[in-house]
N, C-alpha and C. Protein backbone atom coordinates (compact mmCIF):
# COMPACT_ATOMS: atom_id res chain seq x y z
N MET A 1 -14.73 -6.53 24.46
CA MET A 1 -13.88 -5.38 24.23
C MET A 1 -12.56 -5.80 23.58
N LEU A 2 -12.02 -6.92 24.03
CA LEU A 2 -10.78 -7.42 23.45
C LEU A 2 -10.97 -7.76 21.97
N ASP A 3 -12.12 -8.32 21.62
CA ASP A 3 -12.40 -8.63 20.21
C ASP A 3 -12.41 -7.36 19.36
N GLU A 4 -12.94 -6.27 19.89
CA GLU A 4 -12.97 -5.00 19.16
C GLU A 4 -11.55 -4.48 18.95
N TRP A 5 -10.71 -4.58 19.95
CA TRP A 5 -9.31 -4.12 19.83
C TRP A 5 -8.56 -4.97 18.79
N LEU A 6 -8.76 -6.27 18.86
CA LEU A 6 -8.09 -7.14 17.90
C LEU A 6 -8.57 -6.87 16.47
N GLU A 7 -9.84 -6.61 16.31
CA GLU A 7 -10.37 -6.27 14.99
C GLU A 7 -9.78 -4.96 14.48
N LEU A 8 -9.64 -3.98 15.34
CA LEU A 8 -9.03 -2.71 14.97
C LEU A 8 -7.57 -2.89 14.57
N CYS A 9 -6.85 -3.70 15.33
CA CYS A 9 -5.45 -4.00 14.99
C CYS A 9 -5.35 -4.73 13.66
N ARG A 10 -6.23 -5.67 13.42
CA ARG A 10 -6.22 -6.42 12.17
C ARG A 10 -6.48 -5.51 10.98
N ARG A 11 -7.46 -4.64 11.10
CA ARG A 11 -7.79 -3.72 10.01
C ARG A 11 -6.65 -2.73 9.75
N SER A 12 -6.04 -2.24 10.81
CA SER A 12 -4.92 -1.29 10.66
C SER A 12 -3.74 -1.97 9.97
N TYR A 13 -3.43 -3.19 10.39
CA TYR A 13 -2.33 -3.94 9.79
C TYR A 13 -2.61 -4.21 8.31
N ASN A 14 -3.81 -4.66 8.00
CA ASN A 14 -4.15 -4.98 6.61
C ASN A 14 -4.13 -3.73 5.73
N TYR A 15 -4.56 -2.60 6.26
CA TYR A 15 -4.51 -1.35 5.50
C TYR A 15 -3.07 -0.97 5.19
N ALA A 16 -2.20 -1.05 6.19
CA ALA A 16 -0.80 -0.71 6.00
C ALA A 16 -0.12 -1.68 5.03
N LEU A 17 -0.46 -2.96 5.12
CA LEU A 17 0.11 -3.95 4.22
C LEU A 17 -0.32 -3.69 2.79
N ARG A 18 -1.58 -3.36 2.56
CA ARG A 18 -2.07 -3.06 1.22
C ARG A 18 -1.38 -1.82 0.66
N GLU A 19 -1.19 -0.80 1.50
CA GLU A 19 -0.51 0.42 1.07
C GLU A 19 0.93 0.11 0.66
N LEU A 20 1.61 -0.72 1.42
CA LEU A 20 2.98 -1.11 1.11
C LEU A 20 3.03 -1.92 -0.19
N LYS A 21 2.14 -2.89 -0.35
CA LYS A 21 2.12 -3.70 -1.56
C LYS A 21 1.81 -2.86 -2.79
N ASP A 22 0.90 -1.91 -2.68
CA ASP A 22 0.60 -1.02 -3.81
C ASP A 22 1.81 -0.18 -4.18
N TRP A 23 2.53 0.31 -3.19
CA TRP A 23 3.71 1.14 -3.44
C TRP A 23 4.78 0.30 -4.16
N ILE A 24 5.01 -0.91 -3.69
CA ILE A 24 6.01 -1.78 -4.31
C ILE A 24 5.60 -2.14 -5.74
N ALA A 25 4.34 -2.47 -5.94
CA ALA A 25 3.87 -2.85 -7.28
C ALA A 25 3.98 -1.68 -8.25
N SER A 26 3.77 -0.47 -7.77
CA SER A 26 3.84 0.69 -8.67
C SER A 26 5.28 1.00 -9.07
N ARG A 27 6.25 0.52 -8.31
CA ARG A 27 7.65 0.79 -8.61
C ARG A 27 8.27 -0.27 -9.51
N LYS A 28 7.71 -1.47 -9.57
CA LYS A 28 8.34 -2.52 -10.36
C LYS A 28 7.72 -2.68 -11.75
N CYS A 29 6.69 -1.94 -12.05
CA CYS A 29 6.06 -2.03 -13.36
C CYS A 29 6.88 -1.26 -14.39
N PRO A 30 7.30 -1.91 -15.50
CA PRO A 30 8.08 -1.22 -16.51
C PRO A 30 7.25 -0.14 -17.19
N VAL A 31 7.86 0.97 -17.46
CA VAL A 31 7.15 2.11 -18.04
C VAL A 31 6.95 1.92 -19.54
N ASP A 32 7.85 1.21 -20.20
CA ASP A 32 7.80 1.12 -21.66
C ASP A 32 6.90 0.00 -22.19
N ARG A 33 6.24 -0.76 -21.34
CA ARG A 33 5.34 -1.80 -21.83
C ARG A 33 4.14 -1.95 -20.89
N CYS A 34 3.08 -2.49 -21.44
CA CYS A 34 1.85 -2.67 -20.65
C CYS A 34 1.89 -3.99 -19.89
N SER A 35 1.32 -3.97 -18.73
CA SER A 35 1.24 -5.17 -17.91
C SER A 35 -0.01 -5.96 -18.28
N LEU A 36 0.04 -7.27 -18.13
CA LEU A 36 -1.15 -8.08 -18.35
C LEU A 36 -2.15 -7.89 -17.22
N GLU A 37 -1.65 -7.48 -16.07
CA GLU A 37 -2.50 -7.20 -14.92
C GLU A 37 -2.62 -5.69 -14.78
N SER A 38 -3.69 -5.26 -14.21
CA SER A 38 -3.87 -3.83 -13.96
C SER A 38 -3.02 -3.41 -12.78
N GLU A 39 -2.15 -2.45 -12.99
CA GLU A 39 -1.28 -1.96 -11.93
C GLU A 39 -1.65 -0.52 -11.62
N TYR A 40 -1.74 -0.20 -10.36
CA TYR A 40 -1.99 1.17 -9.94
C TYR A 40 -0.65 1.87 -9.84
N ILE A 41 -0.45 2.89 -10.67
CA ILE A 41 0.81 3.61 -10.70
C ILE A 41 0.70 4.86 -9.84
N MET A 42 1.54 4.94 -8.83
CA MET A 42 1.58 6.10 -7.96
C MET A 42 2.57 7.11 -8.51
N ALA A 43 2.43 8.34 -8.10
CA ALA A 43 3.35 9.38 -8.53
C ALA A 43 4.77 9.05 -8.07
N ALA A 44 5.75 9.47 -8.85
CA ALA A 44 7.14 9.15 -8.53
C ALA A 44 7.59 9.77 -7.22
N ASP A 45 6.99 10.90 -6.84
CA ASP A 45 7.40 11.55 -5.60
C ASP A 45 6.59 11.09 -4.38
N TYR A 46 5.71 10.10 -4.58
CA TYR A 46 4.94 9.56 -3.45
C TYR A 46 5.90 8.85 -2.52
N PRO A 47 5.96 9.25 -1.25
CA PRO A 47 6.96 8.67 -0.33
C PRO A 47 6.64 7.23 0.04
N PHE A 48 7.69 6.53 0.46
CA PHE A 48 7.55 5.16 0.93
C PHE A 48 6.62 5.13 2.13
N PRO A 49 5.59 4.26 2.13
CA PRO A 49 4.68 4.20 3.28
C PRO A 49 5.40 3.68 4.51
N SER A 50 5.34 4.42 5.57
CA SER A 50 6.00 4.01 6.80
C SER A 50 5.19 4.49 8.00
N TYR A 51 5.69 4.21 9.14
CA TYR A 51 5.04 4.63 10.39
C TYR A 51 4.96 6.15 10.48
N HIS A 52 5.98 6.82 9.98
CA HIS A 52 6.06 8.28 10.11
C HIS A 52 5.31 9.01 9.02
N HIS A 53 4.93 8.31 7.96
CA HIS A 53 4.16 8.93 6.89
C HIS A 53 2.88 8.14 6.69
N SER A 54 1.76 8.82 6.75
CA SER A 54 0.49 8.15 6.52
C SER A 54 -0.29 8.95 5.49
N SER A 55 -0.95 8.26 4.56
CA SER A 55 -1.71 8.95 3.52
C SER A 55 -3.11 9.29 3.97
N GLU A 56 -3.46 8.95 5.19
CA GLU A 56 -4.81 9.25 5.70
C GLU A 56 -4.95 10.70 6.06
């Protein structure tokens, strides 16, 4: 049972970390030039991912 809880915590943390990294990456990409890497651009009004806001 403890392994299941730890796995759930790990998945939740990794999901939140990915959401945060995507949000940061979408804000630092210059609009006037193309990136060599594919960047996922979120809408400008998409709020900062936090405990109080979840996209789920």
